[in-house]
Amino acid sequence: ITNWGSKTNDVKLPEVLSMSLMKTNFETSQALHYISKRVKKQVKFFGICGNKDKRGITTQTVTISRGNPEQVIRAMKARDWDPKVQLGSFKR
């Protein structure tokens, strides 16, 4: 998948990438800031469905405007990725 504005390739990123966020003992805002730094996108491009408790294991839907699933997966496979934050179930 190429960059959104690329005119030389036919492949375009979807408007919104939706995924499931599972976090353990993380606040929602902390998790979004953590993910945004890893995928090199500003937090303003992320959308969430409500807030969840900090304590415990919680799951919620997150969207990234013009998100690239390969970039997110690559960031998750890095050695320094915190196992308390997991993403999956990518949808376009």
C-alpha atoms as a PDB file:
ATOM      1  CA  ILE A   1       0.000   0.000   0.000  1.00  0.00           C
ATOM      2  CA  THR A   2       1.371   3.370  -0.952  1.00  0.00           C
ATOM      3  CA  ASN A   3       1.047   6.850   0.478  1.00  0.00           C
ATOM      4  CA  TRP A   4      -2.372   8.474   0.173  1.00  0.00           C
ATOM      5  CA  GLY A   5      -1.305  11.306  -2.139  1.00  0.00           C
ATOM      6  CA  SER A   6       0.770   9.218  -4.539  1.00  0.00           C
ATOM      7  CA  LYS A   7      -0.332   9.820  -8.134  1.00  0.00           C
ATOM      8  CA  THR A   8       2.004   7.267  -9.705  1.00  0.00           C
ATOM      9  CA  ASN A   9       0.419   4.150  -8.146  1.00  0.00           C
ATOM     10  CA  ASP A  10      -3.148   2.904  -8.488  1.00  0.00           C
ATOM     11  CA  VAL A  11      -3.445   1.648  -4.900  1.00  0.00           C
ATOM     12  CA  LYS A  12      -5.114   4.086  -2.499  1.00  0.00           C
ATOM     13  CA  LEU A  13      -5.498   3.912   1.257  1.00  0.00           C
ATOM     14  CA  PRO A  14      -9.054   3.842   2.590  1.00  0.00           C
ATOM     15  CA  GLU A  15     -10.549   6.930   4.165  1.00  0.00           C
ATOM     16  CA  VAL A  16     -10.647   5.270   7.595  1.00  0.00           C
ATOM     17  CA  LEU A  17      -8.898   2.225   9.040  1.00  0.00           C
ATOM     18  CA  SER A  18     -10.893   0.655  11.872  1.00  0.00           C
ATOM     19  CA  MET A  19      -9.391  -1.753  14.404  1.00  0.00           C
ATOM     20  CA  SER A  20      -9.854  -3.181  17.872  1.00  0.00           C
ATOM     21  CA  LEU A  21      -7.684  -1.923  20.726  1.00  0.00           C
ATOM     22  CA  MET A  22      -7.098  -4.171  23.719  1.00  0.00           C
ATOM     23  CA  LYS A  23      -5.273  -2.526  26.601  1.00  0.00           C
ATOM     24  CA  THR A  24      -4.265  -3.626  30.061  1.00  0.00           C
ATOM     25  CA  ASN A  25      -3.841  -0.992  32.823  1.00  0.00           C
ATOM     26  CA  PHE A  26      -3.594   1.831  30.265  1.00  0.00           C
ATOM     27  CA  GLU A  27      -5.844   4.864  29.997  1.00  0.00           C
ATOM     28  CA  THR A  28      -7.349   5.400  26.551  1.00  0.00           C
ATOM     29  CA  SER A  29      -5.502   8.672  26.004  1.00  0.00           C
ATOM     30  CA  GLN A  30      -2.191   7.091  27.037  1.00  0.00           C
ATOM     31  CA  ALA A  31      -2.734   4.213  24.620  1.00  0.00           C
ATOM     32  CA  LEU A  32      -3.577   6.569  21.735  1.00  0.00           C
ATOM     33  CA  HIS A  33      -0.487   8.694  22.362  1.00  0.00           C
ATOM     34  CA  TYR A  34       1.628   5.544  22.541  1.00  0.00           C
ATOM     35  CA  ILE A  35       0.236   4.189  19.244  1.00  0.00           C
ATOM     36  CA  SER A  36       0.485   7.557  17.494  1.00  0.00           C
ATOM     37  CA  LYS A  37       4.187   7.854  18.303  1.00  0.00           C
ATOM     38  CA  ARG A  38       4.859   4.323  17.039  1.00  0.00           C
ATOM     39  CA  VAL A  39       2.997   4.731  13.732  1.00  0.00           C
ATOM     40  CA  LYS A  40       4.164   8.347  13.300  1.00  0.00           C
ATOM     41  CA  LYS A  41       0.703   9.886  13.006  1.00  0.00           C
ATOM     42  CA  GLN A  42      -0.683  12.749  15.050  1.00  0.00           C
ATOM     43  CA  VAL A  43      -3.319  11.940  17.667  1.00  0.00           C
ATOM     44  CA  LYS A  44      -5.835  14.145  15.833  1.00  0.00           C
ATOM     45  CA  PHE A  45      -6.089  11.446  13.132  1.00  0.00           C
ATOM     46  CA  PHE A  46      -7.325   8.881  15.697  1.00  0.00           C
ATOM     47  CA  GLY A  47     -10.931   8.358  16.722  1.00  0.00           C
ATOM     48  CA  ILE A  48     -12.225   6.341  19.684  1.00  0.00           C
ATOM     49  CA  CYS A  49     -15.594   5.118  20.893  1.00  0.00           C
ATOM     50  CA  GLY A  50     -15.848   6.442  24.448  1.00  0.00           C
ATOM     51  CA  ASN A  51     -13.472   6.096  27.375  1.00  0.00           C
ATOM     52  CA  LYS A  52     -12.736   2.927  29.270  1.00  0.00           C
ATOM     53  CA  ASP A  53     -11.399   2.261  32.762  1.00  0.00           C
ATOM     54  CA  LYS A  54      -7.685   2.326  33.374  1.00  0.00           C
ATOM     55  CA  ARG A  55      -7.760  -0.767  35.543  1.00  0.00           C
ATOM     56  CA  GLY A  56      -8.322  -4.150  33.999  1.00  0.00           C
ATOM     57  CA  ILE A  57      -8.365  -5.419  30.440  1.00  0.00           C
ATOM     58  CA  THR A  58     -10.604  -3.405  28.121  1.00  0.00           C
ATOM     59  CA  THR A  59     -11.357  -3.534  24.405  1.00  0.00           C
ATOM     60  CA  GLN A  60     -12.699  -0.760  22.207  1.00  0.00           C
ATOM     61  CA  THR A  61     -12.838   0.320  18.583  1.00  0.00           C
ATOM     62  CA  VAL A  62     -10.254   2.800  17.271  1.00  0.00           C
ATOM     63  CA  THR A  63     -10.124   4.450  13.846  1.00  0.00           C
ATOM     64  CA  ILE A  64      -7.227   6.086  12.038  1.00  0.00           C
ATOM     65  CA  SER A  65      -7.924   8.547   9.264  1.00  0.00           C
ATOM     66  CA  ARG A  66      -6.067   7.380   6.152  1.00  0.00           C
ATOM     67  CA  GLY A  67      -4.356   4.684   8.186  1.00  0.00           C
ATOM     68  CA  ASN A  68      -2.021   2.081   6.756  1.00  0.00           C
ATOM     69  CA  PRO A  69      -2.526  -1.395   8.290  1.00  0.00           C
ATOM     70  CA  GLU A  70       0.971  -2.541   7.303  1.00  0.00           C
ATOM     71  CA  GLN A  71       2.513   0.406   9.153  1.00  0.00           C
ATOM     72  CA  VAL A  72       0.556  -0.468  12.316  1.00  0.00           C
ATOM     73  CA  ILE A  73       1.503  -4.153  12.114  1.00  0.00           C
ATOM     74  CA  ARG A  74       5.167  -3.257  11.535  1.00  0.00           C
ATOM     75  CA  ALA A  75       5.115  -1.020  14.627  1.00  0.00           C
ATOM     76  CA  MET A  76       3.539  -3.801  16.706  1.00  0.00           C
ATOM     77  CA  LYS A  77       6.278  -6.259  15.692  1.00  0.00           C
ATOM     78  CA  ALA A  78       9.038  -3.932  16.911  1.00  0.00           C
ATOM     79  CA  ARG A  79      10.971  -5.034  19.985  1.00  0.00           C
ATOM     80  CA  ASP A  80      10.016  -1.987  22.026  1.00  0.00           C
ATOM     81  CA  TRP A  81       6.231  -2.398  21.529  1.00  0.00           C
ATOM     82  CA  ASP A  82       4.475  -2.631  24.904  1.00  0.00           C
ATOM     83  CA  PRO A  83       2.555  -5.921  25.185  1.00  0.00           C
ATOM     84  CA  LYS A  84      -0.087  -4.153  27.306  1.00  0.00           C
ATOM     85  CA  VAL A  85      -1.396  -2.505  24.107  1.00  0.00           C
ATOM     86  CA  GLN A  86      -2.627  -4.784  21.323  1.00  0.00           C
ATOM     87  CA  LEU A  87      -4.346  -3.970  18.023  1.00  0.00           C
ATOM     88  CA  GLY A  88      -6.211  -6.315  15.710  1.00  0.00           C
ATOM     89  CA  SER A  89      -9.334  -6.929  13.600  1.00  0.00           C
ATOM     90  CA  PHE A  90      -8.385  -4.373  10.945  1.00  0.00           C
ATOM     91  CA  LYS A  91     -11.248  -3.203   8.699  1.00  0.00           C
ATOM     92  CA  ARG A  92     -11.347  -0.719   5.872  1.00  0.00           C
END
